[in-house]
Amino acid sequence: MFNKNQKSLNMKSIFFSFRHLTVLAMGAILVLTTSCEKDEAPTPAPALKTITEIVSSDTTFSLLKQAVVRAGLADDLSTGSLTVFAPNNAAFRNTGIDSTIISTIDIDDLIAILTYHVIGSKIMSTNLQSSQAVASLQGQNLYVSKNNNGVFVNGITVNSADIAASNGVIHVISSVIGEIPEESIAQIVTDNSDFSTLLAAVVKADLTSVFSGSGNYTVFAPTNDAFAAAGLTPEVINDPSLPVAAVVAILKAHVIGTNVFASDLIQGATAPTLQPNVNLIIGTTPPSIKIVGGVNTDASNITDANIIATNGVIHVIDRVLR
């Protein structure tokens, strides 16, 4: 028989052995748990699709897909780093373009239209400036702007921005950018008989090269009637008694040194012109413009907006700004 001391010692041994086993078991569980946690890698995010894959898999882009395939641009939109201003089906229809037109339009024209919607670098909407000109893959400038009215390209609304792709980003737009500029501001003014007085002023002021260059301008262009109402005919403008500096000042007061489309007009906003210390104030109902503190108490109405040039945009106005 065990004596009391032996019995107590055995009970202690059993207790310590049980506690030791418990600690070992818990340690093993902890090791296994830690090991499992290390072995279980986080689930990777789904791989991004290319721009072509996004367009091909989204039924709202079926017309754009048809155009891309017919133009042979599917591979081009799968590589590189691109920004695509993508018209969806509703945008094509808003522009009067359907499947039949896409299937019959001249291939070169189709390629030009599509590549005019693409920039050769990735530009998220957060990186857009308030107003900027960016070369498209087609070669001519796209005019991008961001303001309180939203985000726009050539005055067309971006309905949905920043759709991420593996090779860039897609911005969904509300209509097809159908008008690709082919002439500079100077060429448009030269070719339009309603601007003959404006042309005479540009020539006298020796600004033809400026408006033929690669800048980014907005010109509020008075018609011949607008100049005549201000007492400025070609004869008056070409009269040597009218100083060249005065003509230069008149013209520069009609020009903003960046792109401003109708969509960028914000009621009461002001914009500096190329003429020092002359600012314009904008109205939106109706679209209009006048010089802050100028002689004209009534604003000049914008009668024809968004005439796109290779170096900016023209808005036709019905009154000389002064």
C-alpha atoms as a PDB file:
ATOM      1  CA  MET A   1       0.000   0.000   0.000  1.00  0.00           C
ATOM      2  CA  PHE A   2       0.980   3.558  -0.645  1.00  0.00           C
ATOM      3  CA  ASN A   3       1.433   5.772   2.247  1.00  0.00           C
ATOM      4  CA  LYS A   4      -0.092   9.220   2.235  1.00  0.00           C
ATOM      5  CA  ASN A   5       3.100  10.907   1.106  1.00  0.00           C
ATOM      6  CA  GLN A   6       3.506   8.531  -1.822  1.00  0.00           C
ATOM      7  CA  LYS A   7      -0.127   9.028  -2.816  1.00  0.00           C
ATOM      8  CA  SER A   8       0.251  12.811  -2.716  1.00  0.00           C
ATOM      9  CA  LEU A   9       3.429  12.622  -4.782  1.00  0.00           C
ATOM     10  CA  ASN A  10       1.758  10.437  -7.390  1.00  0.00           C
ATOM     11  CA  MET A  11      -1.198  12.798  -7.669  1.00  0.00           C
ATOM     12  CA  LYS A  12       1.170  15.715  -8.198  1.00  0.00           C
ATOM     13  CA  SER A  13       3.047  13.811 -10.871  1.00  0.00           C
ATOM     14  CA  ILE A  14      -0.169  12.994 -12.666  1.00  0.00           C
ATOM     15  CA  PHE A  15      -1.293  16.622 -12.470  1.00  0.00           C
ATOM     16  CA  PHE A  16       2.009  17.976 -13.793  1.00  0.00           C
ATOM     17  CA  SER A  17       2.074  15.372 -16.554  1.00  0.00           C
ATOM     18  CA  PHE A  18      -1.464  16.296 -17.601  1.00  0.00           C
ATOM     19  CA  ARG A  19      -0.607  20.004 -17.575  1.00  0.00           C
ATOM     20  CA  HIS A  20       2.529  19.337 -19.612  1.00  0.00           C
ATOM     21  CA  LEU A  21       0.544  17.388 -22.165  1.00  0.00           C
ATOM     22  CA  THR A  22      -2.029  20.156 -22.336  1.00  0.00           C
ATOM     23  CA  VAL A  23       0.660  22.772 -22.988  1.00  0.00           C
ATOM     24  CA  LEU A  24       2.216  20.602 -25.666  1.00  0.00           C
ATOM     25  CA  ALA A  25      -1.172  20.047 -27.301  1.00  0.00           C
ATOM     26  CA  MET A  26      -1.977  23.738 -27.302  1.00  0.00           C
ATOM     27  CA  GLY A  27       1.434  24.491 -28.728  1.00  0.00           C
ATOM     28  CA  ALA A  28       0.895  21.959 -31.474  1.00  0.00           C
ATOM     29  CA  ILE A  29      -2.485  23.501 -32.303  1.00  0.00           C
ATOM     30  CA  LEU A  30      -0.911  26.958 -32.388  1.00  0.00           C
ATOM     31  CA  VAL A  31       1.863  25.719 -34.685  1.00  0.00           C
ATOM     32  CA  LEU A  32      -0.636  24.017 -36.962  1.00  0.00           C
ATOM     33  CA  THR A  33      -2.865  27.076 -36.993  1.00  0.00           C
ATOM     34  CA  THR A  34       0.062  29.362 -37.770  1.00  0.00           C
ATOM     35  CA  SER A  35       1.259  26.974 -40.434  1.00  0.00           C
ATOM     36  CA  CYS A  36      -2.180  26.885 -42.036  1.00  0.00           C
ATOM     37  CA  GLU A  37      -2.380  30.667 -41.976  1.00  0.00           C
ATOM     38  CA  LYS A  38       0.970  30.877 -43.735  1.00  0.00           C
ATOM     39  CA  ASP A  39      -0.034  28.268 -46.290  1.00  0.00           C
ATOM     40  CA  GLU A  40      -3.379  29.955 -47.115  1.00  0.00           C
ATOM     41  CA  ALA A  41      -2.365  32.776 -49.508  1.00  0.00           C
ATOM     42  CA  PRO A  42      -4.930  35.548 -50.072  1.00  0.00           C
ATOM     43  CA  THR A  43      -7.207  35.051 -53.046  1.00  0.00           C
ATOM     44  CA  PRO A  44      -5.739  37.049 -55.932  1.00  0.00           C
ATOM     45  CA  ALA A  45      -7.882  39.716 -57.556  1.00  0.00           C
ATOM     46  CA  PRO A  46      -9.306  38.715 -60.936  1.00  0.00           C
ATOM     47  CA  ALA A  47      -7.001  39.624 -63.799  1.00  0.00           C
ATOM     48  CA  LEU A  48      -8.027  42.746 -65.663  1.00  0.00           C
ATOM     49  CA  LYS A  49      -9.310  42.348 -69.209  1.00  0.00           C
ATOM     50  CA  THR A  50      -7.781  44.187 -72.133  1.00  0.00           C
ATOM     51  CA  ILE A  51      -9.681  47.069 -73.695  1.00  0.00           C
ATOM     52  CA  THR A  52     -10.650  44.806 -76.594  1.00  0.00           C
ATOM     53  CA  GLU A  53     -11.892  42.103 -74.228  1.00  0.00           C
ATOM     54  CA  ILE A  54     -14.005  44.602 -72.279  1.00  0.00           C
ATOM     55  CA  VAL A  55     -15.558  45.953 -75.480  1.00  0.00           C
ATOM     56  CA  SER A  56     -16.114  42.427 -76.842  1.00  0.00           C
ATOM     57  CA  SER A  57     -17.732  41.066 -73.685  1.00  0.00           C
ATOM     58  CA  ASP A  58     -20.061  44.011 -72.942  1.00  0.00           C
ATOM     59  CA  THR A  59     -23.228  43.928 -75.050  1.00  0.00           C
ATOM     60  CA  THR A  60     -23.667  47.697 -74.648  1.00  0.00           C
ATOM     61  CA  PHE A  61     -20.555  48.057 -76.827  1.00  0.00           C
ATOM     62  CA  SER A  62     -21.728  45.750 -79.640  1.00  0.00           C
ATOM     63  CA  LEU A  63     -21.631  48.512 -82.269  1.00  0.00           C
ATOM     64  CA  LEU A  64     -18.183  49.622 -81.141  1.00  0.00           C
ATOM     65  CA  LYS A  65     -17.043  45.989 -81.273  1.00  0.00           C
ATOM     66  CA  GLN A  66     -18.353  45.699 -84.840  1.00  0.00           C
ATOM     67  CA  ALA A  67     -16.470  48.858 -85.818  1.00  0.00           C
ATOM     68  CA  VAL A  68     -13.231  47.767 -84.140  1.00  0.00           C
ATOM     69  CA  VAL A  69     -13.316  44.334 -85.772  1.00  0.00           C
ATOM     70  CA  ARG A  70     -14.103  45.700 -89.224  1.00  0.00           C
ATOM     71  CA  ALA A  71     -11.330  48.289 -88.913  1.00  0.00           C
ATOM     72  CA  GLY A  72      -8.853  45.586 -87.885  1.00  0.00           C
ATOM     73  CA  LEU A  73      -7.997  47.350 -84.618  1.00  0.00           C
ATOM     74  CA  ALA A  74      -8.754  44.559 -82.128  1.00  0.00           C
ATOM     75  CA  ASP A  75      -5.080  43.681 -81.618  1.00  0.00           C
ATOM     76  CA  ASP A  76      -4.055  47.346 -81.401  1.00  0.00           C
ATOM     77  CA  LEU A  77      -6.517  47.896 -78.536  1.00  0.00           C
ATOM     78  CA  SER A  78      -5.152  44.888 -76.646  1.00  0.00           C
ATOM     79  CA  THR A  79      -1.608  46.158 -76.130  1.00  0.00           C
ATOM     80  CA  GLY A  80       0.269  49.222 -74.993  1.00  0.00           C
ATOM     81  CA  SER A  81      -1.068  51.824 -72.596  1.00  0.00           C
ATOM     82  CA  LEU A  82      -4.152  53.582 -73.947  1.00  0.00           C
ATOM     83  CA  THR A  83      -7.070  55.822 -73.080  1.00  0.00           C
ATOM     84  CA  VAL A  84     -10.210  55.093 -75.085  1.00  0.00           C
ATOM     85  CA  PHE A  85     -13.211  57.411 -75.195  1.00  0.00           C
ATOM     86  CA  ALA A  86     -15.716  54.682 -75.967  1.00  0.00           C
ATOM     87  CA  PRO A  87     -19.167  55.368 -77.429  1.00  0.00           C
ATOM     88  CA  ASN A  88     -21.689  52.744 -76.340  1.00  0.00           C
ATOM     89  CA  ASN A  89     -24.603  51.640 -78.506  1.00  0.00           C
ATOM     90  CA  ALA A  90     -26.761  54.556 -77.347  1.00  0.00           C
ATOM     91  CA  ALA A  91     -23.971  56.989 -78.261  1.00  0.00           C
ATOM     92  CA  PHE A  92     -23.688  55.537 -81.768  1.00  0.00           C
ATOM     93  CA  ARG A  93     -27.443  55.825 -82.245  1.00  0.00           C
ATOM     94  CA  ASN A  94     -27.451  59.386 -80.858  1.00  0.00           C
ATOM     95  CA  THR A  95     -24.983  60.229 -83.614  1.00  0.00           C
ATOM     96  CA  GLY A  96     -27.084  58.512 -86.277  1.00  0.00           C
ATOM     97  CA  ILE A  97     -24.698  55.601 -86.779  1.00  0.00           C
ATOM     98  CA  ASP A  98     -26.095  52.069 -86.882  1.00  0.00           C
ATOM     99  CA  SER A  99     -24.794  48.636 -87.826  1.00  0.00           C
ATOM    100  CA  THR A 100     -25.499  49.177 -91.533  1.00  0.00           C
ATOM    101  CA  ILE A 101     -23.447  52.365 -91.650  1.00  0.00           C
ATOM    102  CA  ILE A 102     -20.573  50.706 -89.790  1.00  0.00           C
ATOM    103  CA  SER A 103     -20.580  47.814 -92.276  1.00  0.00           C
ATOM    104  CA  THR A 104     -20.528  50.107 -95.330  1.00  0.00           C
ATOM    105  CA  ILE A 105     -18.425  53.113 -94.341  1.00  0.00           C
ATOM    106  CA  ASP A 106     -15.044  53.444 -96.041  1.00  0.00           C
ATOM    107  CA  ILE A 107     -12.463  51.483 -94.038  1.00  0.00           C
ATOM    108  CA  ASP A 108      -9.971  54.352 -93.936  1.00  0.00           C
ATOM    109  CA  ASP A 109     -12.664  56.704 -92.660  1.00  0.00           C
ATOM    110  CA  LEU A 110     -13.684  54.152 -90.019  1.00  0.00           C
ATOM    111  CA  ILE A 111     -10.087  53.744 -88.859  1.00  0.00           C
ATOM    112  CA  ALA A 112      -9.700  57.530 -88.654  1.00  0.00           C
ATOM    113  CA  ILE A 113     -12.875  57.901 -86.586  1.00  0.00           C
ATOM    114  CA  LEU A 114     -11.919  55.127 -84.172  1.00  0.00           C
ATOM    115  CA  THR A 115      -8.297  56.192 -83.690  1.00  0.00           C
ATOM    116  CA  TYR A 116      -9.510  59.748 -83.055  1.00  0.00           C
ATOM    117  CA  HIS A 117     -11.155  58.313 -79.917  1.00  0.00           C
ATOM    118  CA  VAL A 118      -7.849  56.952 -78.559  1.00  0.00           C
ATOM    119  CA  ILE A 119      -4.924  58.553 -76.715  1.00  0.00           C
ATOM    120  CA  GLY A 120      -1.608  56.706 -76.638  1.00  0.00           C
ATOM    121  CA  SER A 121      -1.229  56.844 -72.857  1.00  0.00           C
ATOM    122  CA  LYS A 122      -3.340  56.054 -69.814  1.00  0.00           C
ATOM    123  CA  ILE A 123      -5.149  59.110 -68.425  1.00  0.00           C
ATOM    124  CA  MET A 124      -7.513  58.626 -65.477  1.00  0.00           C
ATOM    125  CA  SER A 125     -10.200  61.246 -64.927  1.00  0.00           C
ATOM    126  CA  THR A 126      -8.466  62.285 -61.693  1.00  0.00           C
ATOM    127  CA  ASN A 127      -5.390  63.225 -63.733  1.00  0.00           C
ATOM    128  CA  LEU A 128      -7.255  65.420 -66.197  1.00  0.00           C
ATOM    129  CA  GLN A 129      -6.566  69.118 -66.155  1.00  0.00           C
ATOM    130  CA  SER A 130      -9.367  71.643 -66.267  1.00  0.00           C
ATOM    131  CA  SER A 131      -8.606  72.106 -69.957  1.00  0.00           C
ATOM    132  CA  GLN A 132      -6.030  70.408 -72.155  1.00  0.00           C
ATOM    133  CA  ALA A 133      -5.271  69.358 -75.718  1.00  0.00           C
ATOM    134  CA  VAL A 134      -3.941  65.823 -76.205  1.00  0.00           C
ATOM    135  CA  ALA A 135      -2.871  64.220 -79.483  1.00  0.00           C
ATOM    136  CA  SER A 136      -5.025  61.272 -80.537  1.00  0.00           C
ATOM    137  CA  LEU A 137      -3.711  58.190 -82.312  1.00  0.00           C
ATOM    138  CA  GLN A 138      -5.344  59.614 -85.441  1.00  0.00           C
ATOM    139  CA  GLY A 139      -2.949  62.545 -85.191  1.00  0.00           C
ATOM    140  CA  GLN A 140      -5.221  65.483 -84.455  1.00  0.00           C
ATOM    141  CA  ASN A 141      -5.838  66.937 -81.014  1.00  0.00           C
ATOM    142  CA  LEU A 142      -8.576  65.830 -78.673  1.00  0.00           C
ATOM    143  CA  TYR A 143      -9.729  68.601 -76.352  1.00  0.00           C
ATOM    144  CA  VAL A 144     -10.381  67.308 -72.853  1.00  0.00           C
ATOM    145  CA  SER A 145     -11.877  69.348 -70.041  1.00  0.00           C
ATOM    146  CA  LYS A 146     -13.056  68.869 -66.472  1.00  0.00           C
ATOM    147  CA  ASN A 147     -15.202  71.380 -64.611  1.00  0.00           C
ATOM    148  CA  ASN A 148     -18.281  71.721 -62.426  1.00  0.00           C
ATOM    149  CA  ASN A 149     -20.392  70.447 -65.322  1.00  0.00           C
ATOM    150  CA  GLY A 150     -18.473  67.156 -65.541  1.00  0.00           C
ATOM    151  CA  VAL A 151     -15.783  65.629 -67.752  1.00  0.00           C
ATOM    152  CA  PHE A 152     -15.832  66.224 -71.514  1.00  0.00           C
ATOM    153  CA  VAL A 153     -13.925  65.410 -74.685  1.00  0.00           C
ATOM    154  CA  ASN A 154     -14.452  67.819 -77.599  1.00  0.00           C
ATOM    155  CA  GLY A 155     -17.476  69.062 -75.688  1.00  0.00           C
ATOM    156  CA  ILE A 156     -19.011  65.563 -75.465  1.00  0.00           C
ATOM    157  CA  THR A 157     -20.015  64.301 -72.027  1.00  0.00           C
ATOM    158  CA  VAL A 158     -18.143  61.449 -70.375  1.00  0.00           C
ATOM    159  CA  ASN A 159     -20.967  59.378 -68.867  1.00  0.00           C
ATOM    160  CA  SER A 160     -18.821  56.834 -67.066  1.00  0.00           C
ATOM    161  CA  ALA A 161     -15.128  57.310 -66.340  1.00  0.00           C
ATOM    162  CA  ASP A 162     -12.173  55.159 -65.302  1.00  0.00           C
ATOM    163  CA  ILE A 163     -13.129  51.639 -66.417  1.00  0.00           C
ATOM    164  CA  ALA A 164      -9.816  49.914 -65.731  1.00  0.00           C
ATOM    165  CA  ALA A 165      -8.254  47.603 -68.319  1.00  0.00           C
ATOM    166  CA  SER A 166      -4.969  45.702 -68.305  1.00  0.00           C
ATOM    167  CA  ASN A 167      -3.638  48.008 -71.013  1.00  0.00           C
ATOM    168  CA  GLY A 168      -5.223  51.314 -70.064  1.00  0.00           C
ATOM    169  CA  VAL A 169      -8.578  52.845 -69.262  1.00  0.00           C
ATOM    170  CA  ILE A 170     -11.975  53.373 -70.900  1.00  0.00           C
ATOM    171  CA  HIS A 171     -14.177  56.457 -70.532  1.00  0.00           C
ATOM    172  CA  VAL A 172     -17.711  55.951 -71.866  1.00  0.00           C
ATOM    173  CA  ILE A 173     -18.990  58.959 -73.840  1.00  0.00           C
ATOM    174  CA  SER A 174     -22.465  60.107 -74.849  1.00  0.00           C
ATOM    175  CA  SER A 175     -21.925  60.353 -78.617  1.00  0.00           C
ATOM    176  CA  VAL A 176     -19.395  59.504 -81.294  1.00  0.00           C
ATOM    177  CA  ILE A 177     -16.728  62.154 -81.891  1.00  0.00           C
ATOM    178  CA  GLY A 178     -17.642  62.446 -85.545  1.00  0.00           C
ATOM    179  CA  GLU A 179     -15.939  65.699 -86.477  1.00  0.00           C
ATOM    180  CA  ILE A 180     -12.192  65.314 -86.937  1.00  0.00           C
ATOM    181  CA  PRO A 181     -10.567  68.740 -87.384  1.00  0.00           C
ATOM    182  CA  GLU A 182      -8.735  69.209 -90.660  1.00  0.00           C
ATOM    183  CA  GLU A 183      -8.191  72.986 -90.739  1.00  0.00           C
ATOM    184  CA  SER A 184      -6.559  75.456 -88.395  1.00  0.00           C
ATOM    185  CA  ILE A 185      -8.440  78.425 -86.980  1.00  0.00           C
ATOM    186  CA  ALA A 186      -6.823  80.627 -89.629  1.00  0.00           C
ATOM    187  CA  GLN A 187      -7.909  78.282 -92.425  1.00  0.00           C
ATOM    188  CA  ILE A 188     -11.505  78.147 -91.176  1.00  0.00           C
ATOM    189  CA  VAL A 189     -11.671  81.939 -91.009  1.00  0.00           C
ATOM    190  CA  THR A 190     -10.140  82.220 -94.493  1.00  0.00           C
ATOM    191  CA  ASP A 191     -12.572  79.735 -96.043  1.00  0.00           C
ATOM    192  CA  ASN A 192     -15.746  81.226 -94.529  1.00  0.00           C
ATOM    193  CA  SER A 193     -17.083  84.298 -96.345  1.00  0.00           C
ATOM    194  CA  ASP A 194     -18.939  85.366 -93.180  1.00  0.00           C
ATOM    195  CA  PHE A 195     -15.526  86.007 -91.606  1.00  0.00           C
ATOM    196  CA  SER A 196     -14.019  88.224 -94.329  1.00  0.00           C
ATOM    197  CA  THR A 197     -13.822  91.245 -92.005  1.00  0.00           C
ATOM    198  CA  LEU A 198     -12.300  89.107 -89.260  1.00  0.00           C
ATOM    199  CA  LEU A 199      -9.781  87.842 -91.801  1.00  0.00           C
ATOM    200  CA  ALA A 200      -8.858  91.396 -92.775  1.00  0.00           C
ATOM    201  CA  ALA A 201      -8.237  92.163 -89.100  1.00  0.00           C
ATOM    202  CA  VAL A 202      -6.118  89.022 -88.603  1.00  0.00           C
ATOM    203  CA  VAL A 203      -3.995  89.872 -91.650  1.00  0.00           C
ATOM    204  CA  LYS A 204      -3.477  93.506 -90.622  1.00  0.00           C
ATOM    205  CA  ALA A 205      -2.566  92.434 -87.091  1.00  0.00           C
ATOM    206  CA  ASP A 206      -0.098  89.912 -88.549  1.00  0.00           C
ATOM    207  CA  LEU A 207      -1.635  87.098 -86.467  1.00  0.00           C
ATOM    208  CA  THR A 208      -2.189  84.611 -89.298  1.00  0.00           C
ATOM    209  CA  SER A 209       0.811  82.516 -88.271  1.00  0.00           C
ATOM    210  CA  VAL A 210      -0.391  82.437 -84.649  1.00  0.00           C
ATOM    211  CA  PHE A 211      -3.790  81.065 -85.595  1.00  0.00           C
ATOM    212  CA  SER A 212      -2.219  78.631 -88.060  1.00  0.00           C
ATOM    213  CA  GLY A 213       0.167  77.140 -85.516  1.00  0.00           C
ATOM    214  CA  SER A 214      -0.050  74.337 -83.013  1.00  0.00           C
ATOM    215  CA  GLY A 215      -1.496  76.267 -80.079  1.00  0.00           C
ATOM    216  CA  ASN A 216      -4.712  75.668 -78.198  1.00  0.00           C
ATOM    217  CA  TYR A 217      -7.091  78.621 -78.535  1.00  0.00           C
ATOM    218  CA  THR A 218     -10.730  79.539 -78.193  1.00  0.00           C
ATOM    219  CA  VAL A 219     -11.793  82.271 -80.607  1.00  0.00           C
ATOM    220  CA  PHE A 220     -15.073  84.149 -80.227  1.00  0.00           C
ATOM    221  CA  ALA A 221     -15.448  85.115 -83.875  1.00  0.00           C
ATOM    222  CA  PRO A 222     -17.651  88.084 -84.834  1.00  0.00           C
ATOM    223  CA  THR A 223     -19.365  87.806 -88.200  1.00  0.00           C
ATOM    224  CA  ASN A 224     -19.165  90.492 -90.889  1.00  0.00           C
ATOM    225  CA  ASP A 225     -22.508  91.868 -89.672  1.00  0.00           C
ATOM    226  CA  ALA A 226     -21.195  92.046 -86.113  1.00  0.00           C
ATOM    227  CA  PHE A 227     -18.149  94.026 -87.248  1.00  0.00           C
ATOM    228  CA  ALA A 228     -20.310  96.310 -89.425  1.00  0.00           C
ATOM    229  CA  ALA A 229     -22.585  97.047 -86.456  1.00  0.00           C
ATOM    230  CA  ALA A 230     -19.480  98.207 -84.593  1.00  0.00           C
ATOM    231  CA  GLY A 231     -18.474 100.447 -87.516  1.00  0.00           C
ATOM    232  CA  LEU A 232     -15.616  98.143 -88.524  1.00  0.00           C
ATOM    233  CA  THR A 233     -15.688  97.254 -92.201  1.00  0.00           C
ATOM    234  CA  PRO A 234     -12.688  95.848 -94.116  1.00  0.00           C
ATOM    235  CA  GLU A 235     -12.098  99.351 -95.501  1.00  0.00           C
ATOM    236  CA  VAL A 236     -11.976 100.860 -92.013  1.00  0.00           C
ATOM    237  CA  ILE A 237      -9.720  98.099 -90.733  1.00  0.00           C
ATOM    238  CA  ASN A 238      -7.310  98.465 -93.656  1.00  0.00           C
ATOM    239  CA  ASP A 239      -7.237 102.258 -93.407  1.00  0.00           C
ATOM    240  CA  PRO A 240      -3.714 103.315 -92.371  1.00  0.00           C
ATOM    241  CA  SER A 241      -5.222 105.760 -89.879  1.00  0.00           C
ATOM    242  CA  LEU A 242      -6.321 102.790 -87.733  1.00  0.00           C
ATOM    243  CA  PRO A 243      -3.191 101.719 -85.822  1.00  0.00           C
ATOM    244  CA  VAL A 244      -2.127  98.088 -86.079  1.00  0.00           C
ATOM    245  CA  ALA A 245      -1.883  97.995 -82.279  1.00  0.00           C
ATOM    246  CA  ALA A 246      -5.586  98.858 -82.031  1.00  0.00           C
ATOM    247  CA  VAL A 247      -6.511  95.974 -84.332  1.00  0.00           C
ATOM    248  CA  VAL A 248      -4.280  93.608 -82.366  1.00  0.00           C
ATOM    249  CA  ALA A 249      -5.975  94.676 -79.131  1.00  0.00           C
ATOM    250  CA  ILE A 250      -9.450  94.091 -80.616  1.00  0.00           C
ATOM    251  CA  LEU A 251      -8.550  90.598 -81.841  1.00  0.00           C
ATOM    252  CA  LYS A 252      -6.737  89.454 -78.702  1.00  0.00           C
ATOM    253  CA  ALA A 253      -9.756  90.479 -76.614  1.00  0.00           C
ATOM    254  CA  HIS A 254     -11.698  87.781 -78.513  1.00  0.00           C
ATOM    255  CA  VAL A 255      -9.267  84.945 -77.784  1.00  0.00           C
ATOM    256  CA  ILE A 256      -8.731  82.691 -74.778  1.00  0.00           C
ATOM    257  CA  GLY A 257      -5.469  80.766 -74.610  1.00  0.00           C
ATOM    258  CA  THR A 258      -7.042  77.369 -73.993  1.00  0.00           C
ATOM    259  CA  ASN A 259      -9.965  75.281 -75.234  1.00  0.00           C
ATOM    260  CA  VAL A 260     -13.431  76.266 -74.013  1.00  0.00           C
ATOM    261  CA  PHE A 261     -16.351  74.323 -75.467  1.00  0.00           C
ATOM    262  CA  ALA A 262     -20.019  75.094 -74.934  1.00  0.00           C
ATOM    263  CA  SER A 263     -20.057  72.370 -72.274  1.00  0.00           C
ATOM    264  CA  ASP A 264     -17.390  74.320 -70.372  1.00  0.00           C
ATOM    265  CA  LEU A 265     -19.469  77.481 -70.103  1.00  0.00           C
ATOM    266  CA  ILE A 266     -20.399  78.209 -66.508  1.00  0.00           C
ATOM    267  CA  GLN A 267     -22.725  81.068 -65.633  1.00  0.00           C
ATOM    268  CA  GLY A 268     -20.841  84.043 -64.260  1.00  0.00           C
ATOM    269  CA  ALA A 269     -17.383  82.531 -64.766  1.00  0.00           C
ATOM    270  CA  THR A 270     -14.609  84.807 -66.009  1.00  0.00           C
ATOM    271  CA  ALA A 271     -11.722  84.011 -68.326  1.00  0.00           C
ATOM    272  CA  PRO A 272      -8.607  86.011 -69.203  1.00  0.00           C
ATOM    273  CA  THR A 273      -8.058  86.813 -72.883  1.00  0.00           C
ATOM    274  CA  LEU A 274      -4.783  87.152 -74.771  1.00  0.00           C
ATOM    275  CA  GLN A 275      -5.142  90.917 -74.378  1.00  0.00           C
ATOM    276  CA  PRO A 276      -3.584  91.890 -71.021  1.00  0.00           C
ATOM    277  CA  ASN A 277      -6.053  92.950 -68.327  1.00  0.00           C
ATOM    278  CA  VAL A 278      -9.082  92.086 -70.465  1.00  0.00           C
ATOM    279  CA  ASN A 279     -11.330  89.375 -69.036  1.00  0.00           C
ATOM    280  CA  LEU A 280     -14.496  87.865 -70.406  1.00  0.00           C
ATOM    281  CA  ILE A 281     -17.591  86.993 -68.398  1.00  0.00           C
ATOM    282  CA  ILE A 282     -19.673  84.032 -69.481  1.00  0.00           C
ATOM    283  CA  GLY A 283     -23.426  83.638 -69.638  1.00  0.00           C
ATOM    284  CA  THR A 284     -25.274  80.398 -70.277  1.00  0.00           C
ATOM    285  CA  THR A 285     -28.929  81.348 -70.794  1.00  0.00           C
ATOM    286  CA  PRO A 286     -28.512  82.027 -73.632  1.00  0.00           C
ATOM    287  CA  PRO A 287     -24.828  81.187 -74.221  1.00  0.00           C
ATOM    288  CA  SER A 288     -23.114  84.561 -74.377  1.00  0.00           C
ATOM    289  CA  ILE A 289     -19.930  86.443 -73.673  1.00  0.00           C
ATOM    290  CA  LYS A 290     -18.905  90.012 -72.846  1.00  0.00           C
ATOM    291  CA  ILE A 291     -15.934  91.931 -71.561  1.00  0.00           C
ATOM    292  CA  VAL A 292     -15.883  92.534 -67.826  1.00  0.00           C
ATOM    293  CA  GLY A 293     -16.369  96.279 -67.400  1.00  0.00           C
ATOM    294  CA  GLY A 294     -16.484  96.798 -71.167  1.00  0.00           C
ATOM    295  CA  VAL A 295     -18.400  99.347 -73.197  1.00  0.00           C
ATOM    296  CA  ASN A 296     -21.103  96.899 -74.300  1.00  0.00           C
ATOM    297  CA  THR A 297     -23.746  96.554 -71.612  1.00  0.00           C
ATOM    298  CA  ASP A 298     -25.418  93.694 -73.477  1.00  0.00           C
ATOM    299  CA  ALA A 299     -23.513  90.472 -73.985  1.00  0.00           C
ATOM    300  CA  SER A 300     -22.697  89.050 -77.409  1.00  0.00           C
ATOM    301  CA  ASN A 301     -24.686  85.900 -78.112  1.00  0.00           C
ATOM    302  CA  ILE A 302     -22.951  82.721 -79.240  1.00  0.00           C
ATOM    303  CA  THR A 303     -24.855  81.848 -82.404  1.00  0.00           C
ATOM    304  CA  ASP A 304     -22.827  78.818 -83.494  1.00  0.00           C
ATOM    305  CA  ALA A 305     -20.674  76.885 -81.042  1.00  0.00           C
ATOM    306  CA  ASN A 306     -17.932  74.278 -81.106  1.00  0.00           C
ATOM    307  CA  ILE A 307     -16.413  74.668 -84.566  1.00  0.00           C
ATOM    308  CA  ILE A 308     -13.372  72.467 -83.985  1.00  0.00           C
ATOM    309  CA  ALA A 309     -10.001  73.328 -85.502  1.00  0.00           C
ATOM    310  CA  THR A 310      -6.637  71.600 -85.382  1.00  0.00           C
ATOM    311  CA  ASN A 311      -5.483  74.199 -82.880  1.00  0.00           C
ATOM    312  CA  GLY A 312      -8.611  75.009 -80.902  1.00  0.00           C
ATOM    313  CA  VAL A 313     -12.261  75.879 -81.188  1.00  0.00           C
ATOM    314  CA  ILE A 314     -14.320  78.727 -82.664  1.00  0.00           C
ATOM    315  CA  HIS A 315     -17.614  80.128 -81.385  1.00  0.00           C
ATOM    316  CA  VAL A 316     -19.455  82.512 -83.700  1.00  0.00           C
ATOM    317  CA  ILE A 317     -20.778  85.661 -81.969  1.00  0.00           C
ATOM    318  CA  ASP A 318     -23.132  88.424 -83.074  1.00  0.00           C
ATOM    319  CA  ARG A 319     -21.366  91.439 -81.560  1.00  0.00           C
ATOM    320  CA  VAL A 320     -17.797  92.673 -81.389  1.00  0.00           C
ATOM    321  CA  LEU A 321     -16.486  92.511 -77.823  1.00  0.00           C
ATOM    322  CA  ARG A 322     -15.448  95.916 -76.546  1.00  0.00           C
END
